[in-house]
PDB file of N, CA and C in Angstrom:
ATOM      1  N   MET A   1       0.838  -1.174   0.105  1.00  0.00           N
ATOM      2  CA  MET A   1       0.030  -0.191  -0.093  1.00  0.00           C
ATOM      3  C   MET A   1       0.801   1.336  -0.098  1.00  0.00           C
ATOM      4  N   THR A   2       0.406   2.230  -0.825  1.00  0.00           N
ATOM      5  CA  THR A   2       1.313   3.529  -0.728  1.00  0.00           C
ATOM      6  C   THR A   2       1.109   4.506  -0.242  1.00  0.00           C
ATOM      7  N   ASP A   3       1.503   5.139   0.272  1.00  0.00           N
ATOM      8  CA  ASP A   3       1.510   6.205   1.198  1.00  0.00           C
ATOM      9  C   ASP A   3      -0.016   7.186   1.114  1.00  0.00           C
ATOM     10  N   LYS A   4       0.059   7.369  -0.310  1.00  0.00           N
ATOM     11  CA  LYS A   4      -1.084   8.150  -0.586  1.00  0.00           C
ATOM     12  C   LYS A   4      -2.559   7.312  -0.411  1.00  0.00           C
ATOM     13  N   GLU A   5      -2.231   5.983  -0.504  1.00  0.00           N
ATOM     14  CA  GLU A   5      -3.371   4.848  -0.628  1.00  0.00           C
ATOM     15  C   GLU A   5      -3.792   5.037   1.003  1.00  0.00           C
ATOM     16  N   VAL A   6      -2.674   5.230   1.940  1.00  0.00           N
ATOM     17  CA  VAL A   6      -2.958   5.131   3.375  1.00  0.00           C
ATOM     18  C   VAL A   6      -3.987   6.308   3.782  1.00  0.00           C
ATOM     19  N   VAL A   7      -3.304   7.132   3.328  1.00  0.00           N
ATOM     20  CA  VAL A   7      -3.930   8.625   3.694  1.00  0.00           C
ATOM     21  C   VAL A   7      -5.393   8.433   3.564  1.00  0.00           C
ATOM     22  N   GLU A   8      -5.772   7.956   1.934  1.00  0.00           N
ATOM     23  CA  GLU A   8      -6.951   7.711   1.415  1.00  0.00           C
ATOM     24  C   GLU A   8      -7.899   6.730   1.909  1.00  0.00           C
ATOM     25  N   SER A   9      -7.297   5.600   2.605  1.00  0.00           N
ATOM     26  CA  SER A   9      -7.781   4.821   3.524  1.00  0.00           C
ATOM     27  C   SER A   9      -8.223   5.149   4.879  1.00  0.00           C
ATOM     28  N   LEU A  10      -7.581   6.038   5.368  1.00  0.00           N
ATOM     29  CA  LEU A  10      -7.899   6.609   6.563  1.00  0.00           C
ATOM     30  C   LEU A  10      -8.907   7.717   6.219  1.00  0.00           C
ATOM     31  N   ASN A  11      -8.900   8.230   5.455  1.00  0.00           N
ATOM     32  CA  ASN A  11      -9.950   9.339   5.144  1.00  0.00           C
ATOM     33  C   ASN A  11     -11.205   8.773   4.833  1.00  0.00           C
ATOM     34  N   ASN A  12     -11.431   7.518   4.130  1.00  0.00           N
ATOM     35  CA  ASN A  12     -12.472   6.880   3.837  1.00  0.00           C
ATOM     36  C   ASN A  12     -13.144   6.454   5.384  1.00  0.00           C
ATOM     37  N   ALA A  13     -12.076   5.636   6.324  1.00  0.00           N
ATOM     38  CA  ALA A  13     -12.494   5.459   7.529  1.00  0.00           C
ATOM     39  C   ALA A  13     -13.317   6.481   7.997  1.00  0.00           C
ATOM     40  N   TRP A  14     -12.671   7.627   8.199  1.00  0.00           N
ATOM     41  CA  TRP A  14     -13.527   9.319   8.683  1.00  0.00           C
ATOM     42  C   TRP A  14     -14.780   9.357   8.039  1.00  0.00           C
ATOM     43  N   ARG A  15     -14.723   9.218   6.807  1.00  0.00           N
ATOM     44  CA  ARG A  15     -16.279   9.584   6.255  1.00  0.00           C
ATOM     45  C   ARG A  15     -17.101   8.711   6.488  1.00  0.00           C
ATOM     46  N   ALA A  16     -16.614   7.046   6.664  1.00  0.00           N
ATOM     47  CA  ALA A  16     -18.018   5.955   7.015  1.00  0.00           C
ATOM     48  C   ALA A  16     -18.190   6.460   8.450  1.00  0.00           C
ATOM     49  N   LEU A  17     -17.117   6.799   9.311  1.00  0.00           N
ATOM     50  CA  LEU A  17     -17.483   7.148  10.716  1.00  0.00           C
ATOM     51  C   LEU A  17     -18.607   8.102  10.861  1.00  0.00           C
ATOM     52  N   GLY A  18     -18.455   9.108  10.079  1.00  0.00           N
ATOM     53  CA  GLY A  18     -19.314  10.366   9.847  1.00  0.00           C
ATOM     54  C   GLY A  18     -20.593  10.189   9.338  1.00  0.00           C
ATOM     55  N   ARG A  19     -20.582   9.047   8.574  1.00  0.00           N
ATOM     56  CA  ARG A  19     -22.154   8.672   8.316  1.00  0.00           C
ATOM     57  C   ARG A  19     -22.750   8.068   9.300  1.00  0.00           C
ATOM     58  N   GLN A  20     -21.874   7.066  10.033  1.00  0.00           N
ATOM     59  CA  GLN A  20     -22.657   6.146  11.208  1.00  0.00           C
ATOM     60  C   GLN A  20     -23.038   7.309  12.262  1.00  0.00           C
ATOM     61  N   TYR A  21     -22.082   8.570  12.399  1.00  0.00           N
ATOM     62  CA  TYR A  21     -22.462   9.381  13.487  1.00  0.00           C
ATOM     63  C   TYR A  21     -23.698  10.326  13.000  1.00  0.00           C
ATOM     64  N   GLN A  22     -24.062  10.384  11.759  1.00  0.00           N
ATOM     65  CA  GLN A  22     -25.114  11.180  11.586  1.00  0.00           C
ATOM     66  C   GLN A  22     -26.236  10.339  11.678  1.00  0.00           C
ATOM     67  N   LYS A  23     -26.335   8.698  11.540  1.00  0.00           N
ATOM     68  CA  LYS A  23     -27.284   8.033  11.718  1.00  0.00           C
ATOM     69  C   LYS A  23     -27.532   7.842  13.488  1.00  0.00           C
ATOM     70  N   CYS A  24     -26.667   7.949  14.014  1.00  0.00           N
ATOM     71  CA  CYS A  24     -26.917   7.458  15.687  1.00  0.00           C
ATOM     72  C   CYS A  24     -25.631   8.557  16.181  1.00  0.00           C
ATOM     73  N   PRO A  25     -26.247   9.975  16.462  1.00  0.00           N
ATOM     74  CA  PRO A  25     -25.180  10.829  17.091  1.00  0.00           C
ATOM     75  C   PRO A  25     -25.003  10.108  18.568  1.00  0.00           C
ATOM     76  N   ASP A  26     -23.533  10.192  18.815  1.00  0.00           N
ATOM     77  CA  ASP A  26     -22.981   9.533  20.219  1.00  0.00           C
ATOM     78  C   ASP A  26     -21.883   9.771  20.536  1.00  0.00           C
ATOM     79  N   GLU A  27     -21.797  10.391  21.717  1.00  0.00           N
ATOM     80  CA  GLU A  27     -20.243  10.994  22.059  1.00  0.00           C
ATOM     81  C   GLU A  27     -19.025  10.065  21.982  1.00  0.00           C
ATOM     82  N   GLY A  28     -19.072   8.871  21.829  1.00  0.00           N
ATOM     83  CA  GLY A  28     -18.256   8.024  21.583  1.00  0.00           C
ATOM     84  C   GLY A  28     -17.548   8.054  20.062  1.00  0.00           C
ATOM     85  N   ILE A  29     -18.497   8.098  19.269  1.00  0.00           N
ATOM     86  CA  ILE A  29     -18.411   8.409  17.934  1.00  0.00           C
ATOM     87  C   ILE A  29     -18.011   9.688  17.498  1.00  0.00           C
ATOM     88  N   ARG A  30     -18.479  10.484  18.035  1.00  0.00           N
ATOM     89  CA  ARG A  30     -17.954  11.847  18.016  1.00  0.00           C
ATOM     90  C   ARG A  30     -16.309  12.068  18.617  1.00  0.00           C
ATOM     91  N   CYS A  31     -15.983  11.650  19.388  1.00  0.00           N
ATOM     92  CA  CYS A  31     -14.575  11.249  19.904  1.00  0.00           C
ATOM     93  C   CYS A  31     -13.810  10.789  18.938  1.00  0.00           C
ATOM     94  N   GLY A  32     -14.478   9.343  18.572  1.00  0.00           N
ATOM     95  CA  GLY A  32     -13.623   8.659  17.403  1.00  0.00           C
ATOM     96  C   GLY A  32     -13.427   9.569  16.037  1.00  0.00           C
ATOM     97  N   LEU A  33     -14.481  10.595  15.671  1.00  0.00           N
ATOM     98  CA  LEU A  33     -14.301  11.394  14.515  1.00  0.00           C
ATOM     99  C   LEU A  33     -12.967  12.028  14.747  1.00  0.00           C
ATOM    100  N   ASN A  34     -12.929  12.879  16.005  1.00  0.00           N
ATOM    101  CA  ASN A  34     -12.293  13.960  16.137  1.00  0.00           C
ATOM    102  C   ASN A  34     -10.764  13.132  16.169  1.00  0.00           C
ATOM    103  N   LEU A  35     -10.603  12.239  16.769  1.00  0.00           N
ATOM    104  CA  LEU A  35      -9.182  11.602  16.739  1.00  0.00           C
ATOM    105  C   LEU A  35      -8.729  10.821  15.760  1.00  0.00           C
ATOM    106  N   LEU A  36      -9.700  10.438  14.583  1.00  0.00           N
ATOM    107  CA  LEU A  36      -9.402   9.912  13.704  1.00  0.00           C
ATOM    108  C   LEU A  36      -9.330  11.059  12.702  1.00  0.00           C
ATOM    109  N   ALA A  37     -10.052  12.263  12.440  1.00  0.00           N
ATOM    110  CA  ALA A  37      -9.426  13.623  12.098  1.00  0.00           C
ATOM    111  C   ALA A  37      -7.999  13.779  12.067  1.00  0.00           C
ATOM    112  N   LYS A  38      -7.631  13.952  13.553  1.00  0.00           N
ATOM    113  CA  LYS A  38      -6.333  14.668  13.832  1.00  0.00           C
ATOM    114  C   LYS A  38      -5.325  13.720  13.335  1.00  0.00           C
ATOM    115  N   ILE A  39      -5.540  11.826  13.314  1.00  0.00           N
ATOM    116  CA  ILE A  39      -4.617  11.322  12.699  1.00  0.00           C
ATOM    117  C   ILE A  39      -4.547  11.264  11.207  1.00  0.00           C
ATOM    118  N   VAL A  40      -5.534  11.572  10.590  1.00  0.00           N
ATOM    119  CA  VAL A  40      -5.774  11.742   9.112  1.00  0.00           C
ATOM    120  C   VAL A  40      -4.654  13.019   8.705  1.00  0.00           C
ATOM    121  N   GLY A  41      -5.181  14.063   9.373  1.00  0.00           N
ATOM    122  CA  GLY A  41      -4.147  15.305   9.123  1.00  0.00           C
ATOM    123  C   GLY A  41      -2.718  15.355   9.246  1.00  0.00           C
ATOM    124  N   GLN A  42      -2.272  14.472  10.553  1.00  0.00           N
ATOM    125  CA  GLN A  42      -0.921  14.295  10.645  1.00  0.00           C
ATOM    126  C   GLN A  42      -0.401  13.337   9.582  1.00  0.00           C
ATOM    127  N   VAL A  43      -1.117  12.319   9.172  1.00  0.00           N
ATOM    128  CA  VAL A  43      -0.439  11.345   8.172  1.00  0.00           C
ATOM    129  C   VAL A  43      -0.427  11.947   6.975  1.00  0.00           C
ATOM    130  N   ARG A  44      -1.446  12.815   6.522  1.00  0.00           N
ATOM    131  CA  ARG A  44      -1.471  13.435   5.442  1.00  0.00           C
ATOM    132  C   ARG A  44      -0.141  14.609   5.283  1.00  0.00           C
ATOM    133  N   SER A  45      -0.089  15.412   6.246  1.00  0.00           N
ATOM    134  CA  SER A  45       1.008  16.217   6.689  1.00  0.00           C
ATOM    135  C   SER A  45       2.116  15.518   6.239  1.00  0.00           C
ATOM    136  N   GLU A  46       2.689  14.534   6.948  1.00  0.00           N
ATOM    137  CA  GLU A  46       3.831  14.003   7.033  1.00  0.00           C
ATOM    138  C   GLU A  46       3.879  13.140   5.574  1.00  0.00           C
ATOM    139  N   VAL A  47       2.767  12.565   4.807  1.00  0.00           N
ATOM    140  CA  VAL A  47       3.419  12.489   3.542  1.00  0.00           C
ATOM    141  C   VAL A  47       3.890  13.447   2.469  1.00  0.00           C
ATOM    142  N   GLU A  48       2.913  14.323   2.562  1.00  0.00           N
ATOM    143  CA  GLU A  48       3.348  15.617   1.662  1.00  0.00           C
ATOM    144  C   GLU A  48       4.350  16.204   1.867  1.00  0.00           C
ATOM    145  N   GLU A  49       4.918  16.287   3.227  1.00  0.00           N
ATOM    146  CA  GLU A  49       6.376  16.883   3.855  1.00  0.00           C
ATOM    147  C   GLU A  49       7.316  15.838   2.917  1.00  0.00           C
ATOM    148  N   SER A  50       7.200  14.443   2.952  1.00  0.00           N
ATOM    149  CA  SER A  50       8.075  13.535   2.397  1.00  0.00           C
ATOM    150  C   SER A  50       8.261  13.718   1.020  1.00  0.00           C
ATOM    151  N   HIS A  51       6.962  14.243   0.200  1.00  0.00           N
ATOM    152  CA  HIS A  51       7.260  14.352  -0.999  1.00  0.00           C
ATOM    153  C   HIS A  51       7.746  15.643  -1.417  1.00  0.00           C
ATOM    154  N   ARG A  52       7.882  16.433  -0.468  1.00  0.00           N
ATOM    155  CA  ARG A  52       8.296  17.917  -0.997  1.00  0.00           C
ATOM    156  C   ARG A  52       9.899  17.754  -0.919  1.00  0.00           C
ATOM    157  N   GLU A  53      10.250  16.995   0.430  1.00  0.00           N
ATOM    158  CA  GLU A  53      12.047  16.466   0.888  1.00  0.00           C
ATOM    159  C   GLU A  53      12.471  15.490  -0.200  1.00  0.00           C
ATOM    160  N   LYS A  54      11.254  14.798  -1.250  1.00  0.00           N
ATOM    161  CA  LYS A  54      11.998  13.909  -1.875  1.00  0.00           C
ATOM    162  C   LYS A  54      12.287  12.729  -1.135  1.00  0.00           C
ATOM    163  N   GLN A  55      11.922  12.567  -0.191  1.00  0.00           N
ATOM    164  CA  GLN A  55      12.179  11.563   0.625  1.00  0.00           C
ATOM    165  C   GLN A  55      11.759   9.723   0.164  1.00  0.00           C
ATOM    166  N   ILE A  56      12.991   9.026  -0.048  1.00  0.00           N
ATOM    167  CA  ILE A  56      12.481   7.847  -0.511  1.00  0.00           C
ATOM    168  C   ILE A  56      11.651   6.836   0.310  1.00  0.00           C
ATOM    169  N   THR A  57      10.507   6.304  -0.454  1.00  0.00           N
ATOM    170  CA  THR A  57       9.476   5.488   0.310  1.00  0.00           C
ATOM    171  C   THR A  57       9.934   4.131   0.220  1.00  0.00           C
ATOM    172  N   ILE A  58       9.050   3.256   1.176  1.00  0.00           N
ATOM    173  CA  ILE A  58       9.547   2.233   0.865  1.00  0.00           C
ATOM    174  C   ILE A  58       9.164   1.335  -0.220  1.00  0.00           C
ATOM    175  N   GLU A  59       8.219   1.677  -0.905  1.00  0.00           N
ATOM    176  CA  GLU A  59       7.749   1.142  -2.138  1.00  0.00           C
ATOM    177  C   GLU A  59       9.217   1.271  -3.107  1.00  0.00           C
ATOM    178  N   GLU A  60       9.704   2.631  -2.987  1.00  0.00           N
ATOM    179  CA  GLU A  60      10.872   2.783  -3.903  1.00  0.00           C
ATOM    180  C   GLU A  60      12.173   2.041  -3.403  1.00  0.00           C
ATOM    181  N   TRP A  61      12.389   1.887  -2.024  1.00  0.00           N
ATOM    182  CA  TRP A  61      13.712   1.121  -1.733  1.00  0.00           C
ATOM    183  C   TRP A  61      13.339  -0.645  -2.185  1.00  0.00           C
ATOM    184  N   ILE A  62      12.365  -0.931  -2.132  1.00  0.00           N
ATOM    185  CA  ILE A  62      11.931  -2.135  -2.615  1.00  0.00           C
ATOM    186  C   ILE A  62      12.163  -2.454  -4.017  1.00  0.00           C
ATOM    187  N   VAL A  63      11.781  -1.577  -4.887  1.00  0.00           N
ATOM    188  CA  VAL A  63      11.805  -1.532  -6.230  1.00  0.00           C
ATOM    189  C   VAL A  63      13.438  -1.454  -6.379  1.00  0.00           C
ATOM    190  N   MET A  64      14.047  -0.348  -5.709  1.00  0.00           N
ATOM    191  CA  MET A  64      15.597  -0.184  -6.014  1.00  0.00           C
ATOM    192  C   MET A  64      16.188  -1.447  -5.671  1.00  0.00           C
ATOM    193  N   LEU A  65      16.155  -2.118  -4.518  1.00  0.00           N
ATOM    194  CA  LEU A  65      16.913  -3.185  -3.703  1.00  0.00           C
ATOM    195  C   LEU A  65      16.471  -4.769  -4.830  1.00  0.00           C
ATOM    196  N   GLN A  66      15.279  -4.591  -5.384  1.00  0.00           N
ATOM    197  CA  GLN A  66      15.045  -5.971  -6.294  1.00  0.00           C
ATOM    198  C   GLN A  66      15.907  -5.635  -7.496  1.00  0.00           C
ATOM    199  N   LYS A  67      16.252  -4.455  -8.057  1.00  0.00           N
ATOM    200  CA  LYS A  67      16.955  -4.525  -9.359  1.00  0.00           C
ATOM    201  C   LYS A  67      18.487  -5.026  -9.169  1.00  0.00           C
ATOM    202  N   ASP A  68      18.930  -5.081  -8.207  1.00  0.00           N
ATOM    203  CA  ASP A  68      20.478  -5.978  -8.113  1.00  0.00           C
ATOM    204  C   ASP A  68      20.339  -7.354  -8.151  1.00  0.00           C
TER     205      ASP A  68
END
Protein backbone atom coordinates (compact mmCIF):
# COMPACT_ATOMS: atom_id res chain seq x y z
CA MET A 1 0.00 0.00 0.00
CA THR A 2 1.46 3.37 -0.96
CA ASP A 3 1.54 6.35 1.36
CA LYS A 4 -1.21 8.09 -0.60
CA GLU A 5 -3.37 4.97 -0.42
CA VAL A 6 -2.94 4.92 3.36
CA VAL A 7 -4.12 8.53 3.58
CA GLU A 8 -7.06 7.74 1.30
CA SER A 9 -7.97 4.69 3.39
CA LEU A 10 -7.87 6.66 6.64
CA ASN A 11 -9.96 9.41 5.07
CA ASN A 12 -12.51 6.83 3.88
CA ALA A 13 -12.69 5.46 7.44
CA TRP A 14 -13.34 8.98 8.73
CA ARG A 15 -16.14 9.46 6.19
CA ALA A 16 -17.72 6.12 7.09
CA LEU A 17 -17.60 7.00 10.78
CA GLY A 18 -19.17 10.36 9.93
CA ARG A 19 -22.07 8.60 8.20
CA GLN A 20 -22.47 6.38 11.25
CA TYR A 21 -22.54 9.46 13.48
CA GLN A 22 -25.26 11.04 11.33
CA LYS A 23 -27.43 7.95 11.77
CA CYS A 24 -26.83 7.66 15.50
CA PRO A 25 -25.20 10.69 17.15
CA ASP A 26 -23.17 9.40 20.08
CA GLU A 27 -20.44 10.96 22.20
CA GLY A 28 -18.10 8.00 21.64
CA ILE A 29 -18.45 8.21 17.87
CA ARG A 30 -17.91 11.98 17.98
CA CYS A 31 -14.70 11.51 19.97
CA GLY A 32 -13.61 8.83 17.47
CA LEU A 33 -14.29 11.20 14.58
CA ASN A 34 -12.20 13.93 16.18
CA LEU A 35 -9.33 11.55 16.92
CA LEU A 36 -9.41 10.05 13.42
CA ALA A 37 -9.50 13.54 11.88
CA LYS A 38 -6.32 14.44 13.79
CA ILE A 39 -4.65 11.21 12.66
CA VAL A 40 -5.64 11.79 9.02
CA GLY A 41 -4.32 15.35 9.18
CA GLN A 42 -1.01 14.28 10.73
CA VAL A 43 -0.45 11.42 8.28
CA ARG A 44 -1.40 13.61 5.29
CA SER A 45 1.00 16.31 6.48
CA GLU A 46 3.87 13.82 6.88
CA VAL A 47 3.21 12.32 3.44
CA GLU A 48 3.15 15.76 1.80
CA GLU A 49 6.34 16.76 3.61
CA SER A 50 8.14 13.61 2.53
CA HIS A 51 7.16 14.29 -1.08
CA ARG A 52 8.37 17.90 -0.86
CA GLU A 53 11.69 16.75 0.57
CA LYS A 54 11.92 13.95 -2.00
CA GLN A 55 12.36 11.29 0.69
CA ILE A 56 12.51 7.77 -0.64
CA THR A 57 9.47 5.63 0.15
CA ILE A 58 9.46 2.02 1.25
CA GLU A 59 8.06 1.04 -2.14
CA GLU A 60 10.94 2.84 -3.88
CA TRP A 61 13.46 1.05 -1.64
CA ILE A 62 11.93 -2.32 -2.50
CA VAL A 63 12.05 -1.62 -6.22
CA MET A 64 15.63 -0.38 -5.98
CA LEU A 65 16.76 -3.41 -3.98
CA GLN A 66 15.04 -5.84 -6.32
CA LYS A 67 16.98 -4.48 -9.30
CA ASP A 68 20.29 -5.80 -7.96
